[in-house]
Protein backbone atom coordinates (compact mmCIF):
# COMPACT_ATOMS: atom_id res chain seq x y z
CA MET A 1 0.00 0.00 0.00
CA THR A 2 1.25 3.44 -0.89
CA THR A 3 1.51 5.91 1.95
CA THR A 4 1.28 9.54 0.91
CA ALA A 5 1.23 12.84 2.66
CA PRO A 6 -2.08 14.53 3.54
CA ALA A 7 -4.47 15.64 0.82
CA PRO A 8 -3.01 19.15 0.15
CA TYR A 9 0.10 17.54 -1.39
CA ARG A 10 -1.99 16.19 -4.21
CA THR A 11 -2.53 19.60 -5.74
CA THR A 12 1.11 20.21 -6.55
CA SER A 13 3.08 18.65 -9.41
CA PRO A 14 6.78 18.88 -10.35
CA ARG A 15 5.53 20.31 -13.66
CA LYS A 16 4.60 23.45 -11.74
CA LEU A 17 8.09 24.13 -10.43
CA ARG A 18 8.73 27.81 -11.08
CA PRO A 19 11.78 28.63 -13.23
CA GLY A 20 14.16 31.52 -12.80
CA GLY A 21 14.07 33.11 -9.39
CA ALA A 22 12.29 30.32 -7.55
CA GLN A 23 15.37 29.37 -5.58
CA ALA A 24 15.81 32.83 -4.11
CA ALA A 25 12.08 33.28 -3.52
CA HIS A 26 11.82 30.07 -1.50
CA ALA A 27 15.19 30.12 0.26
CA SER A 28 13.62 30.91 3.61
CA ASP A 29 11.41 27.81 3.41
CA TYR A 30 14.37 25.55 4.12
CA THR A 31 15.97 27.95 6.61
CA GLU A 32 12.91 27.80 8.84
CA LEU A 33 12.98 23.99 8.89
CA ALA A 34 16.75 23.84 9.41
CA LYS A 35 16.57 26.10 12.45
CA ALA A 36 13.89 23.94 14.03
CA VAL A 37 15.87 20.76 13.38
CA LYS A 38 19.06 22.21 14.83
CA ALA A 39 17.20 23.45 17.90
CA ALA A 40 15.87 19.92 18.43
CA GLY A 41 19.44 18.63 18.59
CA LEU A 42 18.96 16.16 15.75
CA LEU A 43 22.18 17.15 13.98
CA GLU A 44 24.35 16.17 16.94
CA ARG A 45 26.63 13.14 16.50
CA ARG A 46 25.67 9.74 17.91
CA PRO A 47 29.03 8.10 18.76
CA GLY A 48 27.47 5.31 20.81
CA TRP A 49 25.20 4.28 17.95
CA TYR A 50 28.02 4.16 15.43
CA ALA A 51 30.35 2.36 17.85
CA ALA A 52 27.68 -0.33 18.20
CA ARG A 53 27.32 -0.63 14.43
CA CYS A 54 31.09 -1.03 14.06
CA ALA A 55 31.13 -3.71 16.74
CA VAL A 56 28.27 -5.64 15.11
CA LEU A 57 30.02 -5.53 11.75
CA ALA A 58 33.29 -6.70 13.30
CA VAL A 59 31.50 -9.73 14.74
CA ALA A 60 29.75 -10.30 11.40
CA TYR A 61 33.09 -10.44 9.57
CA ALA A 62 34.50 -12.84 12.17
CA VAL A 63 31.50 -15.13 11.74
CA GLY A 64 31.72 -14.96 7.94
CA PHE A 65 35.39 -15.90 7.72
CA THR A 66 34.96 -18.60 10.36
CA LEU A 67 32.23 -20.20 8.28
CA LEU A 68 34.28 -19.83 5.11
CA PHE A 69 37.20 -21.77 6.56
CA THR A 70 35.33 -24.32 8.69
CA LEU A 71 32.41 -25.52 6.56
CA GLY A 72 34.75 -26.99 3.99
CA GLN A 73 34.25 -27.43 0.25
CA THR A 74 30.49 -27.76 0.27
CA TRP A 75 27.78 -26.08 -1.78
CA TRP A 76 26.35 -24.80 1.52
CA GLN A 77 29.08 -22.18 1.19
CA LEU A 78 26.84 -20.38 -1.30
CA LEU A 79 24.77 -19.28 1.68
CA VAL A 80 27.97 -17.82 3.11
CA ALA A 81 28.42 -15.97 -0.19
CA VAL A 82 24.99 -14.40 0.26
CA TYR A 83 25.92 -13.60 3.86
CA PHE A 84 29.05 -11.75 2.73
CA SER A 85 26.94 -9.79 0.20
CA ILE A 86 24.83 -8.54 3.08
CA VAL A 87 27.82 -7.74 5.29
CA PHE A 88 29.63 -5.86 2.51
CA THR A 89 26.53 -3.79 1.75
CA GLN A 90 25.98 -2.95 5.42
CA THR A 91 29.63 -1.91 5.57
CA ALA A 92 29.07 0.34 2.56
CA PHE A 93 26.18 1.99 4.42
CA LEU A 94 28.53 2.73 7.31
CA ALA A 95 31.16 4.19 4.97
CA HIS A 96 28.41 6.28 3.37
CA ASP A 97 27.48 7.78 6.75
CA ALA A 98 31.10 8.56 7.56
CA ALA A 99 31.62 10.23 4.19
CA HIS A 100 28.63 12.47 4.92
CA ARG A 101 30.26 13.49 8.23
CA GLN A 102 27.50 11.86 10.21
CA MET A 103 29.91 9.96 12.45
CA PHE A 104 32.69 12.41 13.29
CA THR A 105 32.87 16.17 13.83
CA SER A 106 36.27 16.12 12.11
CA GLY A 107 35.96 16.04 8.33
CA ARG A 108 39.44 14.55 8.01
CA THR A 109 38.62 11.70 10.39
CA GLY A 110 35.42 10.95 8.52
CA GLU A 111 37.26 11.03 5.21
CA TRP A 112 39.90 8.52 6.28
CA PHE A 113 37.43 6.25 8.04
CA SER A 114 35.23 6.12 4.95
CA LEU A 115 38.24 5.67 2.67
CA VAL A 116 39.68 2.74 4.60
CA VAL A 117 36.33 1.05 5.23
CA GLY A 118 35.00 1.64 1.71
CA ASP A 119 38.14 0.62 -0.17
CA LEU A 120 39.55 -2.12 2.07
CA PHE A 121 36.35 -3.86 3.18
CA VAL A 122 33.87 -3.16 0.36
CA GLY A 123 36.12 -2.63 -2.66
CA LEU A 124 34.72 0.78 -3.61
CA SER A 125 36.76 3.90 -4.31
CA TYR A 126 36.06 6.64 -1.78
CA GLY A 127 37.41 9.34 -4.11
CA TRP A 128 35.32 8.19 -7.06
CA TRP A 129 32.22 7.84 -4.91
CA MET A 130 32.62 11.30 -3.35
CA ASN A 131 32.96 12.99 -6.74
CA LYS A 132 29.88 11.23 -8.06
CA HIS A 133 27.74 11.33 -4.93
CA SER A 134 28.43 14.98 -4.15
CA ARG A 135 27.13 16.00 -7.58
CA HIS A 136 24.08 13.84 -7.03
CA HIS A 137 23.26 15.43 -3.68
CA ALA A 138 23.67 18.94 -5.08
CA ASN A 139 21.35 18.32 -8.03
CA PRO A 140 19.38 15.09 -7.68
CA ASN A 141 17.58 14.05 -10.87
CA LYS A 142 18.66 17.19 -12.73
CA VAL A 143 19.46 16.69 -16.39
CA GLY A 144 23.13 17.31 -17.12
CA LYS A 145 24.07 17.55 -13.43
CA ASP A 146 23.22 14.22 -11.80
CA ASN A 147 25.33 11.34 -13.10
CA ASP A 148 22.81 8.89 -11.67
CA ILE A 149 20.47 9.68 -14.57
CA THR A 150 23.14 9.81 -17.25
CA PRO A 151 21.98 7.45 -20.03
CA GLY A 152 23.71 4.09 -20.21
CA ALA A 153 22.09 0.69 -20.13
CA ILE A 154 19.00 2.58 -18.93
CA ALA A 155 17.54 5.77 -20.44
CA PHE A 156 15.84 7.97 -17.84
CA THR A 157 14.27 10.57 -20.15
CA LYS A 158 12.27 10.34 -23.35
CA GLU A 159 14.88 12.48 -25.11
CA ASP A 160 17.64 10.02 -24.26
CA ALA A 161 15.51 7.08 -25.40
CA ALA A 162 14.47 8.82 -28.64
CA VAL A 163 18.01 9.25 -30.00
CA ARG A 164 18.72 5.53 -29.83
CA THR A 165 18.39 3.45 -32.96
CA GLY A 166 18.45 -0.16 -34.04
CA ALA A 167 19.09 -2.83 -31.44
CA SER A 168 19.79 -0.18 -28.79
CA ARG A 169 16.36 1.34 -29.34
CA TRP A 170 14.70 -2.07 -29.12
CA TRP A 171 16.49 -2.94 -25.88
CA THR A 172 15.58 0.46 -24.43
CA SER A 173 11.92 -0.21 -25.18
CA LYS A 174 12.21 -3.26 -22.90
CA GLN A 175 14.19 -1.55 -20.13
CA GLY A 176 11.35 -1.63 -17.66
CA TYR A 177 11.51 -5.42 -17.72
CA TYR A 178 15.26 -5.83 -17.29
CA PHE A 179 15.88 -3.02 -14.80
CA VAL A 180 15.72 -5.27 -11.73
CA PRO A 181 17.79 -8.11 -13.26
CA ILE A 182 20.46 -5.65 -14.36
CA LEU A 183 20.95 -4.68 -10.71
CA LEU A 184 22.73 -8.01 -10.33
CA LEU A 185 25.61 -6.51 -12.30
CA SER A 186 25.77 -3.24 -10.38
CA GLY A 187 28.22 -4.64 -7.81
CA ILE A 188 30.67 -5.63 -10.54
CA ASP A 189 30.21 -2.21 -12.12
CA LEU A 190 31.06 -0.52 -8.82
CA HIS A 191 34.27 -2.52 -8.50
CA VAL A 192 35.23 -1.78 -12.10
CA SER A 193 34.53 1.94 -11.61
CA ALA A 194 36.75 1.89 -8.51
CA ILE A 195 39.62 0.34 -10.43
CA LYS A 196 39.23 2.74 -13.34
CA SER A 197 39.17 5.76 -11.05
CA VAL A 198 42.41 4.97 -9.26
CA ILE A 199 44.18 4.00 -12.48
CA ALA A 200 43.06 7.11 -14.34
CA GLY A 201 43.38 9.29 -11.23
CA ASP A 202 39.98 10.90 -11.78
CA ASP A 203 40.44 13.62 -9.14
CA VAL A 204 41.07 10.88 -6.57
CA LYS A 205 42.88 12.66 -3.77
CA HIS A 206 44.64 9.65 -2.24
CA ARG A 207 45.05 7.60 -5.40
CA ARG A 208 48.02 5.47 -4.30
CA VAL A 209 46.50 4.66 -0.92
CA GLU A 210 43.21 3.72 -2.53
CA ALA A 211 44.98 1.63 -5.15
CA ALA A 212 46.76 -0.34 -2.44
CA LEU A 213 43.63 -0.88 -0.35
CA LEU A 214 41.56 -1.87 -3.39
CA ALA A 215 44.22 -4.36 -4.45
CA VAL A 216 44.16 -6.01 -1.03
CA ARG A 217 40.36 -6.26 -1.10
CA LEU A 218 39.72 -7.16 -4.75
CA ILE A 219 42.60 -9.64 -5.00
CA GLY A 220 42.84 -10.78 -1.40
CA PHE A 221 39.22 -11.75 -0.77
CA PRO A 222 38.82 -13.90 -3.92
CA ALA A 223 42.20 -15.49 -3.14
CA LEU A 224 40.97 -16.52 0.32
CA VAL A 225 37.77 -17.88 -1.19
CA PHE A 226 39.62 -20.03 -3.74
CA LEU A 227 42.08 -21.15 -1.09
CA ALA A 228 39.25 -22.33 1.14
CA LEU A 229 36.87 -23.72 -1.49
CA GLY A 230 38.90 -24.68 -4.51
CA PRO A 231 38.38 -23.49 -8.11
CA VAL A 232 34.86 -24.75 -8.86
CA ILE A 233 32.94 -23.93 -5.69
CA GLY A 234 35.14 -20.87 -5.24
CA ALA A 235 34.19 -19.52 -8.67
CA VAL A 236 30.47 -20.06 -8.07
CA PHE A 237 30.85 -18.54 -4.59
CA MET A 238 32.31 -15.35 -6.10
CA ILE A 239 29.58 -15.11 -8.73
CA VAL A 240 26.85 -15.46 -6.10
CA GLN A 241 28.59 -12.96 -3.81
CA LEU A 242 29.02 -10.37 -6.57
CA PHE A 243 25.47 -10.75 -7.84
CA GLY A 244 24.07 -10.67 -4.31
CA PHE A 245 26.08 -7.57 -3.45
CA GLY A 246 24.93 -5.84 -6.64
CA LEU A 247 21.28 -6.69 -6.06
CA TYR A 248 21.34 -5.57 -2.42
CA MET A 249 23.47 -2.47 -2.96
CA GLY A 250 21.77 -1.33 -6.16
CA GLY A 251 18.38 -2.34 -4.85
CA SER A 252 18.85 -0.11 -1.80
CA PHE A 253 19.71 3.01 -3.79
CA ALA A 254 17.39 2.60 -6.78
CA PRO A 255 14.05 3.15 -4.96
CA ASN A 256 15.19 6.53 -3.63
CA HIS A 257 15.02 8.61 -6.82
CA LYS A 258 14.24 6.49 -9.87
CA GLY A 259 10.82 7.34 -11.26
CA MET A 260 10.61 10.57 -9.28
CA ALA A 261 10.53 14.11 -10.68
CA ILE A 262 13.28 14.99 -13.15
CA ILE A 263 14.40 18.61 -13.29
CA ALA A 264 15.20 20.15 -16.65
CA ALA A 265 18.70 21.46 -17.28
CA ASP A 266 17.45 25.08 -17.49
CA GLN A 267 15.12 24.83 -14.50
CA ASN A 268 16.05 26.46 -11.18
CA VAL A 269 14.43 24.95 -8.12
CA ASP A 270 15.06 25.94 -4.51
CA TYR A 271 16.92 23.54 -2.22
CA LEU A 272 13.91 22.32 -0.22
CA ARG A 273 11.76 21.46 -3.23
CA ARG A 274 14.71 20.14 -5.23
CA GLN A 275 15.44 17.56 -2.55
CA VAL A 276 11.88 16.62 -1.58
CA LEU A 277 10.31 16.37 -5.03
CA THR A 278 13.06 14.18 -6.44
CA SER A 279 13.22 11.78 -3.48
CA ARG A 280 11.05 8.97 -2.19
CA ASN A 281 10.89 7.39 1.27
CA ILE A 282 10.46 3.65 1.74
CA SER A 283 8.21 2.48 4.55
CA GLY A 284 7.86 -0.94 6.12
CA PHE A 285 9.06 -3.01 9.05
CA GLY A 286 12.84 -3.30 9.25
CA MET A 287 13.51 -0.99 6.31
CA GLY A 288 15.68 1.29 8.43
CA THR A 289 18.07 -1.55 9.20
CA ALA A 290 17.85 -3.21 5.80
CA MET A 291 18.59 0.02 3.92
CA GLY A 292 21.00 1.55 6.41
CA GLY A 293 18.73 4.56 6.95
CA LEU A 294 18.49 5.29 3.22
CA ASN A 295 14.78 4.52 3.39
CA PHE A 296 14.43 8.03 4.87
CA GLN A 297 15.81 9.47 1.65
CA ILE A 298 13.92 12.77 1.79
CA GLU A 299 15.26 13.57 5.24
CA HIS A 300 18.75 12.38 4.29
CA HIS A 301 18.84 14.71 1.29
CA LEU A 302 17.62 17.64 3.32
CA PHE A 303 20.13 16.98 6.13
CA PRO A 304 22.94 14.84 4.66
CA ASN A 305 25.17 15.19 7.75
CA MET A 306 22.45 14.07 10.17
CA PRO A 307 23.20 10.70 11.82
CA SER A 308 21.07 8.14 10.02
CA VAL A 309 19.55 6.94 13.29
CA ASN A 310 17.98 10.41 13.75
CA LEU A 311 16.30 10.54 10.34
CA LYS A 312 13.15 8.83 11.58
CA LYS A 313 12.90 11.46 14.34
CA VAL A 314 13.05 14.39 11.94
CA ARG A 315 10.55 12.81 9.54
CA PRO A 316 7.39 14.17 11.29
CA MET A 317 8.88 17.68 11.23
CA VAL A 318 9.59 17.43 7.51
CA ILE A 319 6.11 16.06 6.75
CA GLU A 320 4.45 18.89 8.64
CA HIS A 321 6.68 21.51 7.01
CA CYS A 322 5.92 20.15 3.55
CA ARG A 323 2.21 20.03 4.36
CA LYS A 324 2.21 23.74 5.24
CA LEU A 325 4.01 24.58 2.00
CA ASP A 326 1.89 22.24 -0.14
CA ILE A 327 4.93 20.23 -1.27
CA PRO A 328 4.37 16.55 -2.21
CA TYR A 329 6.00 14.14 0.23
CA VAL A 330 6.15 10.66 -1.29
CA GLU A 331 6.49 7.59 0.89
CA THR A 332 5.65 4.08 -0.21
CA SER A 333 6.51 0.43 0.32
CA LEU A 334 9.55 -1.17 -1.28
CA PHE A 335 7.35 -3.22 -3.61
CA GLN A 336 5.34 -0.20 -4.68
CA SER A 337 8.49 1.82 -5.28
CA TYR A 338 9.77 -0.78 -7.72
CA ALA A 339 6.40 -0.92 -9.43
CA MET A 340 6.61 2.84 -9.95
CA ILE A 341 10.16 2.60 -11.28
CA VAL A 342 9.37 -0.19 -13.73
CA ARG A 343 6.27 1.59 -15.04
CA TYR A 344 8.18 4.84 -15.47
CA LEU A 345 11.14 3.26 -17.24
CA HIS A 346 8.83 1.27 -19.50
CA LYS A 347 7.02 4.45 -20.54
CA VAL A 348 10.31 6.23 -21.18
CA GLY A 349 11.56 3.25 -23.16
CA ILE A 350 8.60 3.20 -25.51
CA GLY A 351 8.67 6.97 -25.83
CA ALA A 352 5.28 7.48 -24.21
CA ALA A 353 6.24 9.33 -21.04
CA ASP A 354 6.78 12.96 -20.21
CA PRO A 355 10.26 12.91 -18.57
CA PHE A 356 9.40 15.95 -16.44
CA ASP A 357 6.32 14.32 -14.96
CA CYS A 358 6.44 12.48 -11.68
CA PRO A 359 4.59 9.12 -11.79
CA PRO A 360 3.86 8.86 -8.03
CA VAL A 361 2.58 12.43 -7.88
CA ALA A 362 0.42 11.77 -10.93
CA THR A 363 -0.93 8.72 -9.12
CA MET A 364 -1.77 10.85 -6.08
CA ARG A 365 -3.54 13.42 -8.23
CA ALA A 366 -5.66 10.72 -9.81
CA ALA A 367 -6.49 9.13 -6.46
């Protein structure tokens, strides 16, 4: 079931975003909310919470490697591969929080913690991720600014789909169907992007350090797997682990913005509306733990340095603020979010969708 904000939200559509001076005109809308949030103490660090998360992950790694080396060469090890996919993704969530300065008051400490954890334990490049993710946070779903909607295997706007021809055009017309399966490859893509970034030096500040840490992780972990399981089971183990990691990692980020409002390249939208209208929250039991707090995507985008454990506390304040300003606040279940994404991508693929329309908001208006 889709959970939406109160009725007044239904009267506003991303198509009505005012161009030009809207950002200046609405600047105070966010300032008012930010002051209230700061006064409530929700931006303060939560060292105890993060210490506990680190401890749990440390135990999880110990359990994983114990199972890897004690179960022997059995196909039951494929369950251990799935287990490592979960642990690696949860570790990535922790590195994500540190990179956003949610864990430490010192930016340098957060940077190095995220770099070591992200590169050495997960196999992702901190420098590459920061360059990409910072642009995304500044301009989510904005054409020409957000790399997350840059056309590739998936086209996110009708214009991008329309320029494709031949086999590419045919595959794009089916993209709604293969979007979820293609997430299986997203983990491999993240590792490849990490390697490319440190080799090419794409503005990666600590390139040599990252290269060394990535080598230990991306060579060392498979080596341990093959040492423990042999070539056949070891190879299948790695395939399952990579696919599981891609599905979990990609599947946690995809519901947050895909199928939400897309902002035109020449459209200026104030910070509050830019973050809220392009983001979607995911509701449901256990989603906070399963998605590392990313289920509160609206709140995270409004306050990226807020400890993820506090996002659920600020949610009622954001909902009420959006209600007063008549700004759509979209929250739905994980299943419904994927249904929205698939429908949207299918429409884009067949050239039948308006890329600047927001499917969930259109659904609310029709309700």
